[in-house]
Amino acid sequence: MSSINETKSNVEIALFEFLKSKTDKSEDEIMKLSKKFLEQIELKLHKSQLPSEILINLENVEHNQPIYLKGINFVSLCEHHLLPFIGLVKIAVYPNRKIAGVSKFSELVSVLSNNLTLQESLTKNIAVEIQNALDPKGVMVKISANHMCSSLLNTENSHTKFETTYSTGIYEIDHTLRNEALLNF
């Protein structure tokens, strides 16, 4: 048995034993739940593509005014608690001629959110990948999310949205342009 399969088997047994001590479910139900949970985590953390392979600029298309994308849904897993955080990504890109197809931004968010991460890191990673791939004048990313760890551990704040931003290029230095992006979000 490979070490990955052995580790997975050990985690499955440990999860089974933990749930058995905490619930009144049958052993069969707990075994099925343990397997299903680990399969779902494995699917969520599966690396299907490198972020650098996603944003390929469109041929023969040039644009040199800001582009705003809002409402890109995502689900990620908190690296501190292994619980989901769910939200929306908003992106402002000020192209330096090169642009990518709209679906590519959603795909990038999906790939980067399939990880154990922090919202702050996810926000930065999205902006940096766009900056590196398209070489725009600037990028601004804003993420608004609900964190299940907050909802489970602190019920008084269960509806609190956590917002993060990250900027590159012109969005770091031109506050008028930055404010325009925030208004368009």
Protein backbone atom coordinates (compact mmCIF):
# COMPACT_ATOMS: atom_id res chain seq x y z
CA MET A 1 0.00 0.00 0.00
CA SER A 2 1.42 3.41 -0.94
CA SER A 3 2.04 5.92 1.84
CA ILE A 4 -0.75 8.18 0.50
CA ASN A 5 -3.28 5.34 0.59
CA GLU A 6 -2.05 4.30 4.02
CA THR A 7 -2.39 7.88 5.30
CA LYS A 8 -5.87 8.15 3.81
CA SER A 9 -6.84 4.87 5.47
CA ASN A 10 -5.48 6.07 8.83
CA VAL A 11 -7.37 9.37 8.52
CA GLU A 12 -10.55 7.49 7.64
CA ILE A 13 -10.18 5.28 10.72
CA ALA A 14 -9.42 8.26 12.96
CA LEU A 15 -12.42 10.18 11.61
CA PHE A 16 -14.61 7.10 12.08
CA GLU A 17 -13.48 6.72 15.70
CA PHE A 18 -13.94 10.42 16.40
CA LEU A 19 -17.47 10.51 14.96
CA LYS A 20 -18.36 7.26 16.72
CA SER A 21 -17.53 8.90 20.06
CA LYS A 22 -19.49 12.08 19.25
CA THR A 23 -22.70 10.88 17.58
CA ASP A 24 -25.42 8.31 17.96
CA LYS A 25 -25.23 7.20 14.33
CA SER A 26 -24.71 3.54 13.45
CA GLU A 27 -21.22 2.31 12.59
CA ASP A 28 -22.35 1.76 9.00
CA GLU A 29 -23.61 5.37 8.74
CA ILE A 30 -20.42 6.70 10.28
CA MET A 31 -18.22 4.65 7.91
CA LYS A 32 -20.15 5.94 4.88
CA LEU A 33 -19.97 9.50 6.20
CA SER A 34 -16.21 9.24 6.86
CA LYS A 35 -15.53 7.96 3.34
CA LYS A 36 -17.82 10.57 1.75
CA PHE A 37 -16.26 13.42 3.74
CA LEU A 38 -12.72 12.45 2.72
CA GLU A 39 -13.76 12.01 -0.92
CA GLN A 40 -15.30 15.50 -0.92
CA ILE A 41 -12.19 17.06 0.65
CA GLU A 42 -10.03 15.25 -1.91
CA LEU A 43 -12.18 16.60 -4.76
CA LYS A 44 -12.07 20.15 -3.38
CA LEU A 45 -8.29 20.14 -2.98
CA HIS A 46 -7.61 18.45 -6.33
CA LYS A 47 -5.17 20.40 -8.49
CA SER A 48 -6.62 20.28 -12.00
CA GLN A 49 -4.65 23.10 -13.54
CA LEU A 50 -1.87 25.53 -12.78
CA PRO A 51 -3.11 29.11 -12.40
CA SER A 52 -0.49 30.28 -14.90
CA GLU A 53 -2.10 28.09 -17.60
CA ILE A 54 -5.51 29.77 -17.36
CA LEU A 55 -5.24 33.44 -18.30
CA ILE A 56 -4.26 33.42 -21.93
CA ASN A 57 -4.89 36.74 -23.60
CA LEU A 58 -7.43 36.96 -26.40
CA GLU A 59 -5.90 37.28 -29.85
CA ASN A 60 -6.57 40.45 -31.85
CA VAL A 61 -8.47 42.08 -28.97
CA GLU A 62 -7.15 45.22 -27.38
CA HIS A 63 -8.70 47.32 -24.65
CA ASN A 64 -7.17 50.11 -22.61
CA GLN A 65 -9.95 51.14 -20.21
CA PRO A 66 -10.85 49.54 -16.86
CA ILE A 67 -12.79 46.28 -16.88
CA TYR A 68 -14.88 45.25 -13.87
CA LEU A 69 -15.99 41.73 -13.07
CA LYS A 70 -18.29 41.18 -10.12
CA GLY A 71 -20.11 38.29 -8.56
CA ILE A 72 -17.62 35.47 -9.14
CA ASN A 73 -18.74 32.83 -6.61
CA PHE A 74 -16.25 30.68 -4.75
CA VAL A 75 -15.94 28.22 -1.88
CA SER A 76 -12.60 27.65 -0.22
CA LEU A 77 -11.31 25.94 2.91
CA CYS A 78 -9.77 27.89 5.79
CA GLU A 79 -6.24 26.71 6.49
CA HIS A 80 -6.75 27.36 10.21
CA HIS A 81 -9.98 25.42 10.77
CA LEU A 82 -10.54 23.23 7.69
CA LEU A 83 -14.00 24.81 7.42
CA PRO A 84 -15.38 26.52 4.32
CA PHE A 85 -15.56 30.20 3.62
CA ILE A 86 -17.96 31.21 0.88
CA GLY A 87 -18.26 34.44 -1.00
CA LEU A 88 -17.93 36.66 -4.01
CA VAL A 89 -14.89 37.95 -5.84
CA LYS A 90 -14.82 41.29 -7.61
CA ILE A 91 -12.00 42.18 -9.98
CA ALA A 92 -10.92 45.42 -11.62
CA VAL A 93 -8.33 45.17 -14.38
CA TYR A 94 -6.86 48.18 -16.16
CA PRO A 95 -5.50 46.49 -19.29
CA ASN A 96 -2.29 47.43 -20.98
CA ARG A 97 -3.85 46.20 -24.25
CA LYS A 98 -4.04 42.43 -23.40
CA ILE A 99 -7.29 41.00 -22.00
CA ALA A 100 -8.60 37.53 -21.24
CA GLY A 101 -12.03 36.01 -21.71
CA VAL A 102 -14.51 36.57 -18.88
CA SER A 103 -14.80 32.85 -18.12
CA LYS A 104 -11.03 32.65 -17.56
CA PHE A 105 -11.29 34.91 -14.51
CA SER A 106 -13.94 32.63 -12.99
CA GLU A 107 -11.77 29.62 -13.78
CA LEU A 108 -8.77 31.27 -12.10
CA VAL A 109 -10.82 31.98 -8.95
CA SER A 110 -12.04 28.38 -8.92
CA VAL A 111 -8.54 26.90 -9.23
CA LEU A 112 -7.03 29.19 -6.60
CA SER A 113 -9.89 28.64 -4.15
CA ASN A 114 -9.49 24.84 -4.35
CA ASN A 115 -6.90 24.99 -1.62
CA LEU A 116 -6.39 25.34 2.09
CA THR A 117 -5.91 29.08 2.31
CA LEU A 118 -6.71 32.33 4.03
CA GLN A 119 -9.00 34.90 2.45
CA GLU A 120 -6.17 37.45 2.50
CA SER A 121 -3.89 35.05 0.60
CA LEU A 122 -6.60 34.16 -1.91
CA THR A 123 -7.23 37.86 -2.60
CA LYS A 124 -3.54 38.52 -3.19
CA ASN A 125 -2.98 35.37 -5.26
CA ILE A 126 -5.82 36.25 -7.66
CA ALA A 127 -4.45 39.76 -8.20
CA VAL A 128 -0.85 38.57 -8.63
CA GLU A 129 -1.79 35.83 -11.13
CA ILE A 130 -3.74 38.34 -13.24
CA GLN A 131 -0.89 40.85 -13.04
CA ASN A 132 1.68 38.24 -14.07
CA ALA A 133 -0.37 36.75 -16.90
CA LEU A 134 -1.76 39.88 -18.57
CA ASP A 135 0.73 42.58 -17.53
CA PRO A 136 -2.03 45.19 -17.04
CA LYS A 137 -1.51 48.72 -15.75
CA GLY A 138 -3.08 47.47 -12.53
CA VAL A 139 -5.39 44.98 -10.84
CA MET A 140 -7.67 45.33 -7.84
CA VAL A 141 -9.40 42.37 -6.21
CA LYS A 142 -12.02 42.51 -3.49
CA ILE A 143 -13.44 39.44 -1.76
CA SER A 144 -16.48 39.42 0.52
CA ALA A 145 -17.03 36.13 2.34
CA ASN A 146 -18.80 34.40 5.19
CA HIS A 147 -16.60 32.10 7.23
CA MET A 148 -18.17 28.96 8.64
CA CYS A 149 -15.55 28.89 11.41
CA SER A 150 -16.94 32.21 12.64
CA SER A 151 -20.51 30.95 12.33
CA LEU A 152 -19.82 27.74 14.23
CA LEU A 153 -17.52 29.12 16.89
CA ASN A 154 -19.13 32.51 17.48
CA THR A 155 -22.86 32.46 16.77
CA GLU A 156 -23.32 36.16 17.61
CA ASN A 157 -21.22 37.01 14.56
CA SER A 158 -22.53 34.30 12.27
CA HIS A 159 -23.67 36.76 9.59
CA THR A 160 -20.52 38.86 9.59
CA LYS A 161 -18.97 39.34 6.15
CA PHE A 162 -15.21 39.55 5.98
CA GLU A 163 -13.84 41.77 3.21
CA THR A 164 -10.32 41.91 1.82
CA THR A 165 -8.71 43.86 -1.01
CA TYR A 166 -5.43 43.68 -2.84
CA SER A 167 -4.12 46.05 -5.49
CA THR A 168 -1.26 46.17 -7.96
CA GLY A 169 0.10 48.84 -10.27
CA ILE A 170 -1.99 51.91 -10.91
CA TYR A 171 -4.63 50.86 -8.36
CA GLU A 172 -2.01 51.20 -5.62
CA ILE A 173 -1.09 54.79 -6.45
CA ASP A 174 -4.12 56.38 -8.14
CA HIS A 175 -6.73 56.77 -5.40
CA THR A 176 -9.30 58.22 -7.81
CA LEU A 177 -9.08 55.10 -9.95
CA ARG A 178 -9.11 52.91 -6.83
CA ASN A 179 -12.28 54.68 -5.61
CA GLU A 180 -13.87 54.24 -9.05
CA ALA A 181 -13.19 50.51 -8.81
CA LEU A 182 -14.71 50.33 -5.33
CA LEU A 183 -17.81 52.20 -6.55
CA ASN A 184 -18.17 49.76 -9.44
CA PHE A 185 -17.94 46.82 -7.07
